Amino acid sequence: MNLERSPDASLIASLARLWPNREHESSAVAGLLCRVGIHYWRRLDTSQLAPGRDVRFCFWCSKIELDGVVHNP
């Protein structure tokens, strides 16, 4: 999804600063898995910043899933 057109663009940008991705630490296989859409999703308590929203972060790359939609900040 295009971040500039998203109504949640500012929320996604602020969430991206919360979770440092581990792309530089992950293996080449993990990078390939992310490229084909298989991510290692992790949760962070974002109830104060995004109440009522389902937020997950990929441990291997910079993608964020917000309410089931994957964004690349």
PDB file of N, CA and C in Angstrom:
ATOM      1  N   MET A   1       0.851  -1.176   0.000  1.00  0.00           N
ATOM      2  CA  MET A   1       0.000   0.000   0.000  1.00  0.00           C
ATOM      3  C   MET A   1       0.892   1.232   0.000  1.00  0.00           C
ATOM      4  N   ASN A   2       0.454   2.242  -0.699  1.00  0.00           N
ATOM      5  CA  ASN A   2       1.218   3.480  -0.780  1.00  0.00           C
ATOM      6  C   ASN A   2       1.034   4.270   0.502  1.00  0.00           C
ATOM      7  N   LEU A   3       2.125   4.523   1.202  1.00  0.00           N
ATOM      8  CA  LEU A   3       2.072   5.175   2.503  1.00  0.00           C
ATOM      9  C   LEU A   3       1.579   6.608   2.411  1.00  0.00           C
ATOM     10  N   GLU A   4       1.890   7.326   1.330  1.00  0.00           N
ATOM     11  CA  GLU A   4       1.485   8.721   1.211  1.00  0.00           C
ATOM     12  C   GLU A   4      -0.031   8.866   1.097  1.00  0.00           C
ATOM     13  N   ARG A   5      -0.715   7.891   0.527  1.00  0.00           N
ATOM     14  CA  ARG A   5      -2.157   7.960   0.341  1.00  0.00           C
ATOM     15  C   ARG A   5      -2.922   7.354   1.506  1.00  0.00           C
ATOM     16  N   SER A   6      -2.269   6.696   2.402  1.00  0.00           N
ATOM     17  CA  SER A   6      -2.925   6.033   3.521  1.00  0.00           C
ATOM     18  C   SER A   6      -3.393   7.058   4.547  1.00  0.00           C
ATOM     19  N   PRO A   7      -4.630   6.904   5.043  1.00  0.00           N
ATOM     20  CA  PRO A   7      -5.091   7.818   6.092  1.00  0.00           C
ATOM     21  C   PRO A   7      -4.336   7.620   7.403  1.00  0.00           C
ATOM     22  N   ASP A   8      -3.660   6.488   7.549  1.00  0.00           N
ATOM     23  CA  ASP A   8      -2.907   6.193   8.761  1.00  0.00           C
ATOM     24  C   ASP A   8      -1.415   6.451   8.589  1.00  0.00           C
ATOM     25  N   ALA A   9      -1.034   7.272   7.634  1.00  0.00           N
ATOM     26  CA  ALA A   9       0.382   7.475   7.317  1.00  0.00           C
ATOM     27  C   ALA A   9       1.176   7.988   8.515  1.00  0.00           C
ATOM     28  N   SER A  10       0.639   8.927   9.261  1.00  0.00           N
ATOM     29  CA  SER A  10       1.383   9.463  10.412  1.00  0.00           C
ATOM     30  C   SER A  10       1.496   8.418  11.509  1.00  0.00           C
ATOM     31  N   LEU A  11       0.447   7.611  11.706  1.00  0.00           N
ATOM     32  CA  LEU A  11       0.506   6.544  12.708  1.00  0.00           C
ATOM     33  C   LEU A  11       1.551   5.507  12.326  1.00  0.00           C
ATOM     34  N   ILE A  12       1.588   5.116  11.063  1.00  0.00           N
ATOM     35  CA  ILE A  12       2.550   4.122  10.600  1.00  0.00           C
ATOM     36  C   ILE A  12       3.977   4.653  10.730  1.00  0.00           C
ATOM     37  N   ALA A  13       4.184   5.914  10.418  1.00  0.00           N
ATOM     38  CA  ALA A  13       5.520   6.506  10.541  1.00  0.00           C
ATOM     39  C   ALA A  13       5.969   6.520  11.997  1.00  0.00           C
ATOM     40  N   SER A  14       5.069   6.819  12.917  1.00  0.00           N
ATOM     41  CA  SER A  14       5.465   6.829  14.324  1.00  0.00           C
ATOM     42  C   SER A  14       5.663   5.415  14.854  1.00  0.00           C
ATOM     43  N   LEU A  15       4.886   4.457  14.365  1.00  0.00           N
ATOM     44  CA  LEU A  15       5.080   3.067  14.768  1.00  0.00           C
ATOM     45  C   LEU A  15       6.407   2.523  14.258  1.00  0.00           C
ATOM     46  N   ALA A  16       6.816   2.945  13.072  1.00  0.00           N
ATOM     47  CA  ALA A  16       8.074   2.473  12.492  1.00  0.00           C
ATOM     48  C   ALA A  16       9.267   2.859  13.360  1.00  0.00           C
ATOM     49  N   ARG A  17       9.165   3.976  14.054  1.00  0.00           N
ATOM     50  CA  ARG A  17      10.266   4.394  14.925  1.00  0.00           C
ATOM     51  C   ARG A  17      10.346   3.563  16.208  1.00  0.00           C
ATOM     52  N   LEU A  18       9.261   2.889  16.561  1.00  0.00           N
ATOM     53  CA  LEU A  18       9.241   2.090  17.787  1.00  0.00           C
ATOM     54  C   LEU A  18       9.982   0.763  17.654  1.00  0.00           C
ATOM     55  N   TRP A  19       9.968   0.204  16.471  1.00  0.00           N
ATOM     56  CA  TRP A  19      10.483  -1.155  16.288  1.00  0.00           C
ATOM     57  C   TRP A  19      11.678  -1.144  15.357  1.00  0.00           C
ATOM     58  N   PRO A  20      12.877  -1.324  15.880  1.00  0.00           N
ATOM     59  CA  PRO A  20      14.046  -1.420  14.991  1.00  0.00           C
ATOM     60  C   PRO A  20      14.079  -2.799  14.330  1.00  0.00           C
ATOM     61  N   ASN A  21      13.994  -2.845  13.017  1.00  0.00           N
ATOM     62  CA  ASN A  21      13.997  -4.151  12.347  1.00  0.00           C
ATOM     63  C   ASN A  21      15.384  -4.775  12.444  1.00  0.00           C
ATOM     64  N   ARG A  22      15.424  -6.050  12.291  1.00  0.00           N
ATOM     65  CA  ARG A  22      16.669  -6.815  12.425  1.00  0.00           C
ATOM     66  C   ARG A  22      17.171  -7.304  11.077  1.00  0.00           C
ATOM     67  N   GLU A  23      16.913  -6.528  10.035  1.00  0.00           N
ATOM     68  CA  GLU A  23      17.297  -6.949   8.690  1.00  0.00           C
ATOM     69  C   GLU A  23      18.804  -7.179   8.592  1.00  0.00           C
ATOM     70  N   HIS A  24      19.586  -6.355   9.245  1.00  0.00           N
ATOM     71  CA  HIS A  24      21.036  -6.499   9.179  1.00  0.00           C
ATOM     72  C   HIS A  24      21.530  -7.716   9.957  1.00  0.00           C
ATOM     73  N   GLU A  25      20.703  -8.248  10.878  1.00  0.00           N
ATOM     74  CA  GLU A  25      21.095  -9.413  11.659  1.00  0.00           C
ATOM     75  C   GLU A  25      20.517 -10.715  11.115  1.00  0.00           C
ATOM     76  N   SER A  26      19.507 -10.625  10.250  1.00  0.00           N
ATOM     77  CA  SER A  26      18.847 -11.835   9.769  1.00  0.00           C
ATOM     78  C   SER A  26      19.653 -12.476   8.641  1.00  0.00           C
ATOM     79  N   SER A  27      19.350 -13.727   8.399  1.00  0.00           N
ATOM     80  CA  SER A  27      20.083 -14.477   7.385  1.00  0.00           C
ATOM     81  C   SER A  27      19.552 -14.156   5.987  1.00  0.00           C
ATOM     82  N   ALA A  28      20.254 -14.643   4.999  1.00  0.00           N
ATOM     83  CA  ALA A  28      19.825 -14.452   3.609  1.00  0.00           C
ATOM     84  C   ALA A  28      18.514 -15.179   3.350  1.00  0.00           C
ATOM     85  N   VAL A  29      18.316 -16.306   4.002  1.00  0.00           N
ATOM     86  CA  VAL A  29      17.066 -17.054   3.848  1.00  0.00           C
ATOM     87  C   VAL A  29      15.894 -16.245   4.394  1.00  0.00           C
ATOM     88  N   ALA A  30      16.087 -15.587   5.541  1.00  0.00           N
ATOM     89  CA  ALA A  30      15.033 -14.752   6.121  1.00  0.00           C
ATOM     90  C   ALA A  30      14.692 -13.601   5.177  1.00  0.00           C
ATOM     91  N   GLY A  31      15.687 -13.012   4.552  1.00  0.00           N
ATOM     92  CA  GLY A  31      15.449 -11.943   3.581  1.00  0.00           C
ATOM     93  C   GLY A  31      14.649 -12.426   2.391  1.00  0.00           C
ATOM     94  N   LEU A  32      14.951 -13.627   1.917  1.00  0.00           N
ATOM     95  CA  LEU A  32      14.198 -14.201   0.800  1.00  0.00           C
ATOM     96  C   LEU A  32      12.756 -14.485   1.204  1.00  0.00           C
ATOM     97  N   LEU A  33      12.571 -14.987   2.413  1.00  0.00           N
ATOM     98  CA  LEU A  33      11.215 -15.271   2.880  1.00  0.00           C
ATOM     99  C   LEU A  33      10.384 -13.989   2.945  1.00  0.00           C
ATOM    100  N   CYS A  34      10.976 -12.907   3.422  1.00  0.00           N
ATOM    101  CA  CYS A  34      10.261 -11.629   3.468  1.00  0.00           C
ATOM    102  C   CYS A  34       9.921 -11.142   2.071  1.00  0.00           C
ATOM    103  N   ARG A  35      10.813 -11.340   1.141  1.00  0.00           N
ATOM    104  CA  ARG A  35      10.563 -10.880  -0.229  1.00  0.00           C
ATOM    105  C   ARG A  35       9.401 -11.607  -0.886  1.00  0.00           C
ATOM    106  N   VAL A  36       9.170 -12.859  -0.485  1.00  0.00           N
ATOM    107  CA  VAL A  36       8.036 -13.602  -1.045  1.00  0.00           C
ATOM    108  C   VAL A  36       6.793 -13.481  -0.172  1.00  0.00           C
ATOM    109  N   GLY A  37       6.875 -12.722   0.908  1.00  0.00           N
ATOM    110  CA  GLY A  37       5.697 -12.447   1.720  1.00  0.00           C
ATOM    111  C   GLY A  37       5.535 -13.283   2.966  1.00  0.00           C
ATOM    112  N   ILE A  38       6.549 -14.039   3.330  1.00  0.00           N
ATOM    113  CA  ILE A  38       6.492 -14.836   4.558  1.00  0.00           C
ATOM    114  C   ILE A  38       7.295 -14.091   5.614  1.00  0.00           C
ATOM    115  N   HIS A  39       6.590 -13.442   6.525  1.00  0.00           N
ATOM    116  CA  HIS A  39       7.236 -12.604   7.532  1.00  0.00           C
ATOM    117  C   HIS A  39       7.204 -13.266   8.907  1.00  0.00           C
ATOM    118  N   TYR A  40       8.074 -12.824   9.768  1.00  0.00           N
ATOM    119  CA  TYR A  40       8.134 -13.284  11.156  1.00  0.00           C
ATOM    120  C   TYR A  40       7.540 -12.161  12.008  1.00  0.00           C
ATOM    121  N   TRP A  41       6.209 -12.192  12.170  1.00  0.00           N
ATOM    122  CA  TRP A  41       5.507 -11.111  12.846  1.00  0.00           C
ATOM    123  C   TRP A  41       5.672 -11.186  14.353  1.00  0.00           C
ATOM    124  N   ARG A  42       5.870 -10.030  14.958  1.00  0.00           N
ATOM    125  CA  ARG A  42       5.993  -9.888  16.410  1.00  0.00           C
ATOM    126  C   ARG A  42       5.061  -8.772  16.864  1.00  0.00           C
ATOM    127  N   ARG A  43       4.597  -8.864  18.080  1.00  0.00           N
ATOM    128  CA  ARG A  43       3.711  -7.840  18.636  1.00  0.00           C
ATOM    129  C   ARG A  43       4.464  -6.995  19.653  1.00  0.00           C
ATOM    130  N   LEU A  44       4.048  -5.762  19.750  1.00  0.00           N
ATOM    131  CA  LEU A  44       4.565  -4.820  20.722  1.00  0.00           C
ATOM    132  C   LEU A  44       3.342  -4.147  21.332  1.00  0.00           C
ATOM    133  N   ASP A  45       3.365  -3.876  22.626  1.00  0.00           N
ATOM    134  CA  ASP A  45       2.206  -3.250  23.265  1.00  0.00           C
ATOM    135  C   ASP A  45       2.093  -1.804  22.785  1.00  0.00           C
ATOM    136  N   THR A  46       1.153  -1.575  21.890  1.00  0.00           N
ATOM    137  CA  THR A  46       0.931  -0.236  21.339  1.00  0.00           C
ATOM    138  C   THR A  46      -0.438   0.292  21.748  1.00  0.00           C
ATOM    139  N   SER A  47      -0.955  -0.194  22.868  1.00  0.00           N
ATOM    140  CA  SER A  47      -2.302   0.204  23.288  1.00  0.00           C
ATOM    141  C   SER A  47      -2.402   1.691  23.609  1.00  0.00           C
ATOM    142  N   GLN A  48      -1.319   2.321  24.021  1.00  0.00           N
ATOM    143  CA  GLN A  48      -1.339   3.758  24.300  1.00  0.00           C
ATOM    144  C   GLN A  48      -1.285   4.583  23.016  1.00  0.00           C
ATOM    145  N   LEU A  49      -0.515   4.127  22.047  1.00  0.00           N
ATOM    146  CA  LEU A  49      -0.324   4.870  20.803  1.00  0.00           C
ATOM    147  C   LEU A  49      -1.427   4.598  19.785  1.00  0.00           C
ATOM    148  N   ALA A  50      -1.857   3.349  19.706  1.00  0.00           N
ATOM    149  CA  ALA A  50      -2.879   2.959  18.722  1.00  0.00           C
ATOM    150  C   ALA A  50      -3.931   2.096  19.407  1.00  0.00           C
ATOM    151  N   PRO A  51      -4.794   2.702  20.224  1.00  0.00           N
ATOM    152  CA  PRO A  51      -5.801   1.907  20.941  1.00  0.00           C
ATOM    153  C   PRO A  51      -6.805   1.279  19.975  1.00  0.00           C
ATOM    154  N   GLY A  52      -7.076   0.010  20.207  1.00  0.00           N
ATOM    155  CA  GLY A  52      -8.045  -0.696  19.381  1.00  0.00           C
ATOM    156  C   GLY A  52      -7.547  -1.125  18.020  1.00  0.00           C
ATOM    157  N   ARG A  53      -6.275  -0.955  17.745  1.00  0.00           N
ATOM    158  CA  ARG A  53      -5.707  -1.329  16.443  1.00  0.00           C
ATOM    159  C   ARG A  53      -4.855  -2.580  16.622  1.00  0.00           C
ATOM    160  N   ASP A  54      -4.837  -3.422  15.605  1.00  0.00           N
ATOM    161  CA  ASP A  54      -4.012  -4.630  15.589  1.00  0.00           C
ATOM    162  C   ASP A  54      -2.709  -4.295  14.879  1.00  0.00           C
ATOM    163  N   VAL A  55      -1.619  -4.227  15.634  1.00  0.00           N
ATOM    164  CA  VAL A  55      -0.318  -3.822  15.087  1.00  0.00           C
ATOM    165  C   VAL A  55       0.678  -4.959  15.272  1.00  0.00           C
ATOM    166  N   ARG A  56       1.342  -5.336  14.179  1.00  0.00           N
ATOM    167  CA  ARG A  56       2.421  -6.321  14.233  1.00  0.00           C
ATOM    168  C   ARG A  56       3.595  -5.807  13.420  1.00  0.00           C
ATOM    169  N   PHE A  57       4.789  -6.182  13.848  1.00  0.00           N
ATOM    170  CA  PHE A  57       6.027  -5.769  13.198  1.00  0.00           C
ATOM    171  C   PHE A  57       6.767  -7.010  12.718  1.00  0.00           C
ATOM    172  N   CYS A  58       7.375  -6.925  11.530  1.00  0.00           N
ATOM    173  CA  CYS A  58       8.198  -8.036  11.056  1.00  0.00           C
ATOM    174  C   CYS A  58       9.556  -7.948  11.738  1.00  0.00           C
ATOM    175  N   PHE A  59      10.008  -9.056  12.282  1.00  0.00           N
ATOM    176  CA  PHE A  59      11.285  -9.108  12.977  1.00  0.00           C
ATOM    177  C   PHE A  59      12.455  -9.076  12.003  1.00  0.00           C
ATOM    178  N   TRP A  60      12.209  -9.474  10.749  1.00  0.00           N
ATOM    179  CA  TRP A  60      13.283  -9.592   9.771  1.00  0.00           C
ATOM    180  C   TRP A  60      13.390  -8.420   8.816  1.00  0.00           C
ATOM    181  N   CYS A  61      12.336  -7.640   8.639  1.00  0.00           N
ATOM    182  CA  CYS A  61      12.385  -6.507   7.714  1.00  0.00           C
ATOM    183  C   CYS A  61      11.644  -5.319   8.318  1.00  0.00           C
ATOM    184  N   SER A  62      11.416  -4.283   7.551  1.00  0.00           N
ATOM    185  CA  SER A  62      10.835  -3.055   8.091  1.00  0.00           C
ATOM    186  C   SER A  62       9.320  -2.968   7.934  1.00  0.00           C
ATOM    187  N   LYS A  63       8.665  -4.019   7.492  1.00  0.00           N
ATOM    188  CA  LYS A  63       7.224  -3.967   7.259  1.00  0.00           C
ATOM    189  C   LYS A  63       6.436  -3.961   8.572  1.00  0.00           C
ATOM    190  N   ILE A  64       5.290  -3.270   8.523  1.00  0.00           N
ATOM    191  CA  ILE A  64       4.370  -3.179   9.653  1.00  0.00           C
ATOM    192  C   ILE A  64       2.999  -3.604   9.161  1.00  0.00           C
ATOM    193  N   GLU A  65       2.334  -4.445   9.950  1.00  0.00           N
ATOM    194  CA  GLU A  65       0.972  -4.843   9.622  1.00  0.00           C
ATOM    195  C   GLU A  65       0.030  -4.109  10.551  1.00  0.00           C
ATOM    196  N   LEU A  66      -0.836  -3.293   9.982  1.00  0.00           N
ATOM    197  CA  LEU A  66      -1.800  -2.510  10.762  1.00  0.00           C
ATOM    198  C   LEU A  66      -3.195  -2.949  10.351  1.00  0.00           C
ATOM    199  N   ASP A  67      -3.906  -3.592  11.261  1.00  0.00           N
ATOM    200  CA  ASP A  67      -5.264  -4.089  11.021  1.00  0.00           C
ATOM    201  C   ASP A  67      -5.330  -4.994   9.794  1.00  0.00           C
ATOM    202  N   GLY A  68      -4.323  -5.861   9.623  1.00  0.00           N
ATOM    203  CA  GLY A  68      -4.317  -6.829   8.540  1.00  0.00           C
ATOM    204  C   GLY A  68      -3.764  -6.339   7.221  1.00  0.00           C
ATOM    205  N   VAL A  69      -3.390  -5.057   7.138  1.00  0.00           N
ATOM    206  CA  VAL A  69      -2.828  -4.496   5.901  1.00  0.00           C
ATOM    207  C   VAL A  69      -1.333  -4.252   6.130  1.00  0.00           C
ATOM    208  N   VAL A  70      -0.505  -4.783   5.234  1.00  0.00           N
ATOM    209  CA  VAL A  70       0.941  -4.671   5.364  1.00  0.00           C
ATOM    210  C   VAL A  70       1.406  -3.348   4.755  1.00  0.00           C
ATOM    211  N   HIS A  71       2.198  -2.617   5.509  1.00  0.00           N
ATOM    212  CA  HIS A  71       2.754  -1.322   5.067  1.00  0.00           C
ATOM    213  C   HIS A  71       4.275  -1.387   5.111  1.00  0.00           C
ATOM    214  N   ASN A  72       4.908  -0.678   4.206  1.00  0.00           N
ATOM    215  CA  ASN A  72       6.359  -0.576   4.190  1.00  0.00           C
ATOM    216  C   ASN A  72       6.725   0.895   4.380  1.00  0.00           C
ATOM    217  N   PRO A  73       7.042   1.284   5.623  1.00  0.00           N
ATOM    218  CA  PRO A  73       7.320   2.710   5.896  1.00  0.00           C
ATOM    219  C   PRO A  73       8.598   3.208   5.260  1.00  0.00           C
TER     220      PRO A  73
END
